[in-house]
C-alpha atoms as a PDB file:
ATOM      1  CA  MET A   1      58.401  31.795   6.531  1.00  0.00           C
ATOM      2  CA  ASN A   2      58.671  28.037   6.027  1.00  0.00           C
ATOM      3  CA  TRP A   3      57.763  27.603   2.371  1.00  0.00           C
ATOM      4  CA  ASP A   4      57.563  23.840   2.599  1.00  0.00           C
ATOM      5  CA  ARG A   5      55.054  24.011   5.422  1.00  0.00           C
ATOM      6  CA  LEU A   6      53.014  26.665   3.589  1.00  0.00           C
ATOM      7  CA  PHE A   7      52.741  24.560   0.443  1.00  0.00           C
ATOM      8  CA  GLU A   8      51.969  21.444   2.466  1.00  0.00           C
ATOM      9  CA  ASP A   9      49.099  23.327   4.139  1.00  0.00           C
ATOM     10  CA  LEU A  10      47.826  24.588   0.775  1.00  0.00           C
ATOM     11  CA  GLU A  11      48.047  21.112  -0.710  1.00  0.00           C
ATOM     12  CA  GLY A  12      46.164  19.714   2.288  1.00  0.00           C
ATOM     13  CA  GLN A  13      43.420  22.331   1.907  1.00  0.00           C
ATOM     14  CA  LEU A  14      43.125  21.688  -1.834  1.00  0.00           C
ATOM     15  CA  ALA A  15      43.002  17.908  -1.323  1.00  0.00           C
ATOM     16  CA  SER A  16      40.282  18.355   1.331  1.00  0.00           C
ATOM     17  CA  GLU A  17      38.234  20.556  -1.010  1.00  0.00           C
ATOM     18  CA  TRP A  18      38.600  18.085  -3.854  1.00  0.00           C
ATOM     19  CA  GLU A  19      37.620  15.186  -1.567  1.00  0.00           C
ATOM     20  CA  ALA A  20      34.569  17.086  -0.302  1.00  0.00           C
ATOM     21  CA  GLU A  21      33.555  17.923  -3.876  1.00  0.00           C
ATOM     22  CA  ARG A  22      34.008  14.315  -4.971  1.00  0.00           C
ATOM     23  CA  ALA A  23      31.983  13.042  -2.007  1.00  0.00           C
ATOM     24  CA  ALA A  24      29.191  15.521  -2.819  1.00  0.00           C
ATOM     25  CA  ARG A  25      29.168  14.393  -6.473  1.00  0.00           C
ATOM     26  CA  ASP A  26      29.108  10.724  -5.432  1.00  0.00           C
ATOM     27  CA  ALA A  27      26.258  11.348  -2.982  1.00  0.00           C
ATOM     28  CA  GLU A  28      24.223  13.193  -5.618  1.00  0.00           C
ATOM     29  CA  SER A  29      24.922  10.468  -8.184  1.00  0.00           C
ATOM     30  CA  GLU A  30      23.744   7.806  -5.715  1.00  0.00           C
ATOM     31  CA  ARG A  31      20.573   9.786  -4.945  1.00  0.00           C
ATOM     32  CA  LEU A  32      19.809  10.035  -8.668  1.00  0.00           C
ATOM     33  CA  ARG A  33      20.472   6.306  -9.168  1.00  0.00           C
ATOM     34  CA  ILE A  34      18.166   5.318  -6.319  1.00  0.00           C
ATOM     35  CA  ALA A  35      15.503   7.726  -7.580  1.00  0.00           C
ATOM     36  CA  GLN A  36      15.376   5.676 -10.796  1.00  0.00           C
ATOM     37  CA  LEU A  37      15.060   2.267  -9.083  1.00  0.00           C
ATOM     38  CA  THR A  38      11.804   0.391  -9.634  1.00  0.00           C
ATOM     39  CA  LEU A  39      10.088  -2.084  -7.332  1.00  0.00           C
ATOM     40  CA  ARG A  40      10.519  -4.672 -10.069  1.00  0.00           C
ATOM     41  CA  SER A  41      14.299  -4.266 -10.138  1.00  0.00           C
ATOM     42  CA  ARG A  42      14.454  -4.732  -6.358  1.00  0.00           C
ATOM     43  CA  LEU A  43      12.193  -7.789  -6.576  1.00  0.00           C
ATOM     44  CA  ARG A  44      14.535  -9.201  -9.224  1.00  0.00           C
ATOM     45  CA  PHE A  45      17.365  -9.127  -6.667  1.00  0.00           C
ATOM     46  CA  LEU A  46      15.172 -10.814  -4.013  1.00  0.00           C
ATOM     47  CA  CYS A  47      14.017 -13.478  -6.490  1.00  0.00           C
ATOM     48  CA  GLU A  48      17.597 -14.157  -7.575  1.00  0.00           C
ATOM     49  CA  ARG A  49      18.390 -15.019  -3.952  1.00  0.00           C
ATOM     50  CA  GLN A  50      15.056 -16.818  -3.403  1.00  0.00           C
ATOM     51  CA  ALA A  51      14.524 -14.563  -0.412  1.00  0.00           C
ATOM     52  CA  SER A  52      12.091 -15.475   2.342  1.00  0.00           C
ATOM     53  CA  ILE A  53       9.814 -12.507   2.922  1.00  0.00           C
ATOM     54  CA  VAL A  54       6.452 -11.528   4.356  1.00  0.00           C
ATOM     55  CA  MET A  55       4.303  -9.750   1.794  1.00  0.00           C
ATOM     56  CA  ASP A  56       1.421  -7.371   2.532  1.00  0.00           C
ATOM     57  CA  LEU A  57      -1.280  -7.829  -0.102  1.00  0.00           C
ATOM     58  CA  ALA A  58      -4.018  -5.524  -1.357  1.00  0.00           C
ATOM     59  CA  ASN A  59      -6.716  -7.578   0.407  1.00  0.00           C
ATOM     60  CA  GLY A  60      -5.142  -6.908   3.836  1.00  0.00           C
ATOM     61  CA  ARG A  61      -3.414 -10.269   4.219  1.00  0.00           C
ATOM     62  CA  ARG A  62       0.222 -10.796   5.254  1.00  0.00           C
ATOM     63  CA  VAL A  63       1.672 -13.894   3.614  1.00  0.00           C
ATOM     64  CA  PRO A  64       5.078 -15.543   4.249  1.00  0.00           C
ATOM     65  CA  LEU A  65       6.636 -16.412   0.900  1.00  0.00           C
ATOM     66  CA  THR A  66       9.799 -17.570  -0.792  1.00  0.00           C
ATOM     67  CA  LEU A  67      10.279 -15.555  -3.960  1.00  0.00           C
ATOM     68  CA  ARG A  68      11.088 -17.467  -7.150  1.00  0.00           C
ATOM     69  CA  THR A  69      10.794 -15.329 -10.260  1.00  0.00           C
ATOM     70  CA  VAL A  70       9.617 -11.971 -11.532  1.00  0.00           C
ATOM     71  CA  GLY A  71       7.683 -11.310 -14.731  1.00  0.00           C
ATOM     72  CA  ALA A  72       6.642  -8.167 -16.553  1.00  0.00           C
ATOM     73  CA  ASP A  73       3.908  -7.262 -14.048  1.00  0.00           C
ATOM     74  CA  TRP A  74       3.804 -10.211 -11.616  1.00  0.00           C
ATOM     75  CA  ILE A  75       5.940 -12.296  -9.290  1.00  0.00           C
ATOM     76  CA  ALA A  76       5.857 -16.018  -8.518  1.00  0.00           C
ATOM     77  CA  ALA A  77       6.508 -17.392  -5.056  1.00  0.00           C
ATOM     78  CA  ASP A  78       6.241 -20.567  -2.983  1.00  0.00           C
ATOM     79  CA  SER A  79       3.859 -20.587  -0.045  1.00  0.00           C
ATOM     80  CA  THR A  80       3.394 -23.132   2.732  1.00  0.00           C
ATOM     81  CA  THR A  81      -0.158 -23.480   4.009  1.00  0.00           C
ATOM     82  CA  ALA A  82      -1.045 -25.231   7.271  1.00  0.00           C
ATOM     83  CA  ILE A  83      -3.620 -27.978   6.671  1.00  0.00           C
ATOM     84  CA  GLY A  84      -4.829 -29.991   9.635  1.00  0.00           C
ATOM     85  CA  GLY A  85      -1.708 -31.298  11.380  1.00  0.00           C
ATOM     86  CA  GLY A  86       0.528 -30.875   8.339  1.00  0.00           C
ATOM     87  CA  SER A  87       1.305 -28.401   5.626  1.00  0.00           C
ATOM     88  CA  ALA A  88       0.930 -28.115   1.871  1.00  0.00           C
ATOM     89  CA  GLN A  89       3.200 -26.389  -0.606  1.00  0.00           C
ATOM     90  CA  SER A  90       1.579 -24.189  -3.228  1.00  0.00           C
ATOM     91  CA  MET A  91       2.695 -21.726  -5.858  1.00  0.00           C
ATOM     92  CA  LEU A  92       1.389 -18.183  -6.046  1.00  0.00           C
ATOM     93  CA  VAL A  93       1.304 -15.685  -8.866  1.00  0.00           C
ATOM     94  CA  ILE A  94       0.883 -12.166  -7.482  1.00  0.00           C
ATOM     95  CA  PRO A  95       0.311  -9.123  -9.707  1.00  0.00           C
ATOM     96  CA  LEU A  96       2.659  -6.255  -8.829  1.00  0.00           C
ATOM     97  CA  HIS A  97      -0.342  -3.962  -8.323  1.00  0.00           C
ATOM     98  CA  ALA A  98      -1.424  -6.205  -5.411  1.00  0.00           C
ATOM     99  CA  VAL A  99       1.872  -5.813  -3.520  1.00  0.00           C
ATOM    100  CA  HIS A 100       1.390  -3.319  -0.680  1.00  0.00           C
ATOM    101  CA  GLY A 101       4.583  -4.013   1.270  1.00  0.00           C
ATOM    102  CA  ILE A 102       7.502  -6.400   1.718  1.00  0.00           C
ATOM    103  CA  SER A 103       9.164  -7.306   5.007  1.00  0.00           C
ATOM    104  CA  THR A 104      12.608  -8.903   4.932  1.00  0.00           C
ATOM    105  CA  ASP A 105      15.946  -8.593   6.727  1.00  0.00           C
ATOM    106  CA  HIS A 106      18.018  -5.415   6.498  1.00  0.00           C
ATOM    107  CA  GLY A 107      20.747  -7.072   4.437  1.00  0.00           C
ATOM    108  CA  MET A 108      18.239  -7.993   1.726  1.00  0.00           C
ATOM    109  CA  VAL A 109      16.765  -4.480   1.788  1.00  0.00           C
ATOM    110  CA  LEU A 110      20.211  -2.931   1.261  1.00  0.00           C
ATOM    111  CA  GLY A 111      21.261  -5.565  -1.275  1.00  0.00           C
ATOM    112  CA  SER A 112      18.160  -4.920  -3.375  1.00  0.00           C
ATOM    113  CA  LEU A 113      19.379  -1.342  -3.932  1.00  0.00           C
ATOM    114  CA  ASP A 114      22.113  -2.760  -6.180  1.00  0.00           C
ATOM    115  CA  GLU A 115      21.063  -2.773  -9.830  1.00  0.00           C
ATOM    116  CA  GLN A 116      23.646  -5.399 -10.769  1.00  0.00           C
ATOM    117  CA  ALA A 117      21.188  -8.314 -10.350  1.00  0.00           C
ATOM    118  CA  ALA A 118      20.872  -9.847 -13.813  1.00  0.00           C
ATOM    119  CA  ALA A 119      17.583 -11.057 -15.231  1.00  0.00           C
ATOM    120  CA  SER A 120      17.372 -14.821 -14.677  1.00  0.00           C
ATOM    121  CA  SER A 121      15.423 -15.133 -17.933  1.00  0.00           C
ATOM    122  CA  PRO A 122      14.898 -12.037 -20.103  1.00  0.00           C
ATOM    123  CA  LEU A 123      12.083 -13.847 -21.930  1.00  0.00           C
ATOM    124  CA  ARG A 124      10.320 -14.708 -18.664  1.00  0.00           C
ATOM    125  CA  GLU A 125      10.565 -11.083 -17.569  1.00  0.00           C
ATOM    126  CA  ARG A 126       8.622 -10.077 -20.684  1.00  0.00           C
ATOM    127  CA  MET A 127       5.706 -12.410 -19.875  1.00  0.00           C
ATOM    128  CA  THR A 128       2.653 -10.488 -18.681  1.00  0.00           C
ATOM    129  CA  LEU A 129       0.038 -11.573 -16.152  1.00  0.00           C
ATOM    130  CA  GLY A 130      -2.397 -12.137 -19.031  1.00  0.00           C
ATOM    131  CA  PHE A 131       0.084 -14.480 -20.729  1.00  0.00           C
ATOM    132  CA  ILE A 132       0.417 -16.544 -17.515  1.00  0.00           C
ATOM    133  CA  LEU A 133      -3.358 -16.694 -16.977  1.00  0.00           C
ATOM    134  CA  ARG A 134      -3.968 -17.733 -20.588  1.00  0.00           C
ATOM    135  CA  ASP A 135      -1.467 -20.572 -20.137  1.00  0.00           C
ATOM    136  CA  LEU A 136      -3.270 -21.724 -16.963  1.00  0.00           C
ATOM    137  CA  ALA A 137      -6.531 -21.642 -18.938  1.00  0.00           C
ATOM    138  CA  ARG A 138      -4.988 -23.651 -21.793  1.00  0.00           C
ATOM    139  CA  ARG A 139      -3.748 -26.312 -19.356  1.00  0.00           C
ATOM    140  CA  ARG A 140      -7.081 -26.353 -17.439  1.00  0.00           C
ATOM    141  CA  VAL A 141      -5.275 -25.913 -14.115  1.00  0.00           C
ATOM    142  CA  PRO A 142      -7.630 -25.728 -11.108  1.00  0.00           C
ATOM    143  CA  LEU A 143      -6.721 -22.814  -8.844  1.00  0.00           C
ATOM    144  CA  HIS A 144      -7.678 -20.599  -5.925  1.00  0.00           C
ATOM    145  CA  LEU A 145      -8.102 -16.947  -6.789  1.00  0.00           C
ATOM    146  CA  SER A 146      -7.994 -14.232  -4.099  1.00  0.00           C
ATOM    147  CA  THR A 147      -9.545 -10.884  -4.892  1.00  0.00           C
ATOM    148  CA  ALA A 148      -9.100  -7.353  -3.589  1.00  0.00           C
ATOM    149  CA  ASN A 149     -12.241  -7.635  -1.431  1.00  0.00           C
ATOM    150  CA  ALA A 150     -10.662 -10.621   0.417  1.00  0.00           C
ATOM    151  CA  GLU A 151     -12.814 -13.178  -1.384  1.00  0.00           C
ATOM    152  CA  ASP A 152     -11.319 -16.600  -2.134  1.00  0.00           C
ATOM    153  CA  ILE A 153     -12.845 -18.509  -5.012  1.00  0.00           C
ATOM    154  CA  HIS A 154     -11.906 -21.819  -6.568  1.00  0.00           C
ATOM    155  CA  GLY A 155     -12.263 -22.862 -10.146  1.00  0.00           C
ATOM    156  CA  THR A 156     -10.674 -23.135 -13.577  1.00  0.00           C
ATOM    157  CA  ILE A 157      -9.974 -20.259 -15.932  1.00  0.00           C
ATOM    158  CA  ASP A 158     -12.008 -20.733 -19.101  1.00  0.00           C
ATOM    159  CA  ARG A 159     -10.390 -17.811 -20.904  1.00  0.00           C
ATOM    160  CA  ALA A 160      -8.322 -14.693 -20.235  1.00  0.00           C
ATOM    161  CA  GLY A 161      -8.747 -11.463 -22.181  1.00  0.00           C
ATOM    162  CA  SER A 162      -6.500  -8.416 -22.233  1.00  0.00           C
ATOM    163  CA  ASP A 163      -7.634  -7.159 -18.812  1.00  0.00           C
ATOM    164  CA  HIS A 164      -9.983  -9.784 -17.326  1.00  0.00           C
ATOM    165  CA  LEU A 165     -10.587 -13.515 -17.004  1.00  0.00           C
ATOM    166  CA  ASP A 166     -13.575 -15.857 -16.984  1.00  0.00           C
ATOM    167  CA  LEU A 167     -13.550 -18.326 -14.085  1.00  0.00           C
ATOM    168  CA  ALA A 168     -15.706 -21.451 -13.946  1.00  0.00           C
ATOM    169  CA  LEU A 169     -16.439 -22.003 -10.244  1.00  0.00           C
ATOM    170  CA  HIS A 170     -16.255 -25.528  -8.817  1.00  0.00           C
ATOM    171  CA  ASP A 171     -15.185 -27.240  -5.595  1.00  0.00           C
ATOM    172  CA  ALA A 172     -11.530 -27.841  -4.829  1.00  0.00           C
ATOM    173  CA  GLY A 173     -10.465 -31.363  -5.710  1.00  0.00           C
ATOM    174  CA  THR A 174     -12.942 -31.698  -8.549  1.00  0.00           C
ATOM    175  CA  ALA A 175     -12.283 -31.354 -12.266  1.00  0.00           C
ATOM    176  CA  ARG A 176     -13.915 -28.673 -14.369  1.00  0.00           C
ATOM    177  CA  LEU A 177     -16.772 -30.785 -15.694  1.00  0.00           C
ATOM    178  CA  ALA A 178     -20.153 -29.388 -16.732  1.00  0.00           C
ATOM    179  CA  GLY A 179     -21.888 -31.128 -13.823  1.00  0.00           C
ATOM    180  CA  ALA A 180     -19.383 -29.804 -11.277  1.00  0.00           C
ATOM    181  CA  VAL A 181     -19.512 -26.139 -12.320  1.00  0.00           C
ATOM    182  CA  GLN A 182     -21.535 -24.054  -9.848  1.00  0.00           C
ATOM    183  CA  GLY A 183     -21.330 -20.735 -11.671  1.00  0.00           C
ATOM    184  CA  PHE A 184     -19.183 -18.363 -13.664  1.00  0.00           C
ATOM    185  CA  ARG A 185     -17.361 -15.172 -12.739  1.00  0.00           C
ATOM    186  CA  ILE A 186     -15.763 -12.429 -14.820  1.00  0.00           C
ATOM    187  CA  VAL A 187     -12.838 -11.000 -12.827  1.00  0.00           C
ATOM    188  CA  PRO A 188     -10.853  -7.913 -13.896  1.00  0.00           C
ATOM    189  CA  PHE A 189      -7.097  -8.348 -13.585  1.00  0.00           C
ATOM    190  CA  GLU A 190      -7.077  -5.265 -11.315  1.00  0.00           C
ATOM    191  CA  ALA A 191      -9.185  -7.214  -8.786  1.00  0.00           C
ATOM    192  CA  VAL A 192      -6.798 -10.199  -8.711  1.00  0.00           C
ATOM    193  CA  VAL A 193      -4.558 -10.286  -5.629  1.00  0.00           C
ATOM    194  CA  SER A 194      -3.145 -13.799  -6.017  1.00  0.00           C
ATOM    195  CA  VAL A 195      -3.562 -16.981  -7.996  1.00  0.00           C
ATOM    196  CA  ARG A 196      -2.623 -20.123  -6.113  1.00  0.00           C
ATOM    197  CA  THR A 197      -2.028 -23.547  -7.609  1.00  0.00           C
ATOM    198  CA  THR A 198      -1.145 -26.757  -5.820  1.00  0.00           C
ATOM    199  CA  GLY A 199       2.448 -27.999  -5.612  1.00  0.00           C
ATOM    200  CA  ASP A 200       2.010 -30.510  -8.444  1.00  0.00           C
ATOM    201  CA  GLN A 201       0.879 -27.850 -10.903  1.00  0.00           C
ATOM    202  CA  PRO A 202       4.001 -25.931 -11.915  1.00  0.00           C
ATOM    203  CA  LEU A 203       3.623 -22.467 -13.368  1.00  0.00           C
END
């Protein structure tokens, strides 16, 4: 019997078993890691790279966007809207509950599985949708609000509570003056799909 060959075979078998066991542990560890991933953490990666995506919204619309930042329960993105023969840039705030799907390239999908993306601003990531809407109300920013039933309304937020807002309805391009207001609407945050402001009204 060739003892050297015997021990080489045994060592090879043991190394193969150890490698298989290590690979199984690594695979299980990766499955557990992915099971703990949140949509928000993946959006953080896409925002960090200002990814161009197409987003499916709760009102049935598919909107091309460039992601900018993620908050506690919302994301902000740039949107280009065709107007006449040109286009206009606007900024959207979209509650996470209104996101029904995201289409992007395979590299971005795989990259977003990596949890290493750091928060661009930890303070910004703690801001809630209500905080953002209250700031828009404070600054009297005119905006377009899209709802879950595919309604688009224009106006200015008068106030924002803990789970709803009051919107003074008026025509686009007009200020929120008493004579211009056509009505008032109370809108639950759950019904909000997107809030769009014009390019000269930063969020």
